[in-house]
Protein backbone atom coordinates (compact mmCIF):
# COMPACT_ATOMS: atom_id res chain seq x y z
CA MET A 1 60.95 58.88 -15.28
CA ALA A 2 58.33 59.47 -17.70
CA SER A 3 59.59 60.02 -21.37
CA ARG A 4 58.14 60.53 -24.79
CA ASN A 5 57.50 56.83 -25.34
CA ASP A 6 55.35 56.79 -22.26
CA MET A 7 52.88 59.16 -24.59
CA LYS A 8 51.89 56.23 -26.92
CA ILE A 9 50.51 54.11 -23.72
CA TRP A 10 48.81 57.39 -22.31
CA VAL A 11 47.24 58.19 -25.24
CA ALA A 12 45.96 54.89 -25.97
CA VAL A 13 44.55 54.43 -22.38
CA ALA A 14 42.98 58.06 -22.64
CA LEU A 15 41.36 56.97 -25.86
CA ALA A 16 40.19 53.59 -24.84
CA SER A 17 38.70 55.48 -21.59
CA MET A 18 36.49 57.70 -24.18
CA GLY A 19 35.52 54.21 -25.93
CA GLY A 20 38.08 54.24 -28.66
CA THR A 21 37.75 58.07 -29.98
CA GLY A 22 38.52 61.42 -28.50
CA TRP A 23 39.52 65.03 -29.67
CA PRO A 24 43.22 65.73 -28.96
CA LYS A 25 42.45 68.32 -26.38
CA GLU A 26 40.00 65.65 -24.50
CA VAL A 27 43.09 63.40 -24.93
CA ALA A 28 45.70 66.19 -23.43
CA LYS A 29 43.20 66.73 -20.57
CA TYR A 30 42.95 63.22 -19.37
CA ILE A 31 46.65 62.85 -19.66
CA TRP A 32 47.50 65.57 -17.61
CA ASP A 33 44.68 64.62 -15.04
CA ASN A 34 45.90 61.38 -14.55
CA TYR A 35 49.88 61.61 -15.36
CA GLU A 36 50.49 65.19 -14.31
CA ALA A 37 52.85 64.22 -11.21
CA GLN A 38 54.72 62.08 -13.58
CA ILE A 39 55.10 64.67 -16.34
CA LYS A 40 56.33 67.20 -13.61
CA ARG A 41 58.85 65.00 -12.39
CA SER A 42 60.48 64.04 -15.96
CA GLY A 43 62.28 67.15 -16.39
CA SER A 44 61.86 68.69 -19.96
CA LEU A 45 58.93 66.59 -20.79
CA LEU A 46 56.99 68.94 -18.53
CA TYR A 47 57.66 71.52 -21.66
CA THR A 48 57.13 69.37 -24.35
CA TRP A 49 54.21 67.11 -23.15
CA GLN A 50 51.12 68.34 -25.58
CA TYR A 51 53.66 68.31 -28.78
CA ASP A 52 54.83 64.72 -27.75
CA ALA A 53 50.96 63.43 -27.52
CA ARG A 54 50.92 64.62 -30.89
CA TRP A 55 53.84 62.83 -31.95
CA ALA A 56 52.83 59.83 -30.36
CA ALA A 57 49.28 59.82 -32.32
CA THR A 58 51.19 60.31 -35.64
CA ALA A 59 53.57 57.37 -34.65
CA MET A 60 50.27 55.10 -33.67
CA ARG A 61 49.14 56.26 -36.96
CA LYS A 62 51.80 54.72 -38.82
CA GLU A 63 52.14 51.49 -36.75
CA GLY A 64 48.57 51.06 -37.41
CA VAL A 65 47.25 51.74 -33.95
CA LEU A 66 45.11 54.83 -34.67
CA LYS A 67 42.97 55.33 -37.81
CA ALA A 68 44.43 57.49 -40.35
CA VAL A 69 43.10 60.75 -40.92
CA HIS A 70 44.70 61.59 -44.39
CA GLY A 71 46.06 64.90 -43.25
CA LYS A 72 42.62 66.26 -42.06
CA THR A 73 42.37 68.25 -38.78
CA ASN A 74 38.74 67.97 -38.23
CA LYS A 75 38.72 64.47 -37.05
CA PRO A 76 38.93 63.10 -33.40
CA TRP A 77 41.61 60.46 -32.79
CA GLU A 78 40.53 57.04 -32.99
CA LEU A 79 41.62 53.53 -32.04
CA VAL A 80 41.61 50.91 -34.91
C-alpha cells in the first residue's frame, strides 16, 4: 500500500520525466495519471495525496533534492 513517503519517489519520477522541472499542477497530473490505482487502494491517501505531494516537495528541498524557492510561489519545482 502506498504511503506519504512514496510521494517523494513519485515527485522525483514526475520531474525527471519532465526534464527535471515542472509546475505543481503538472506534477500532480503525472502522479494521478501514473499512480491513481495505488492512491485509491491506499485508504486515506486518496483524500490527502495532493497535500502529501507538496509536503514531499518541501521535504525534498530540505534534503537538497529539489532546488530552493526561497518562499516564492511563482517558481516551478526543479531537481538539483
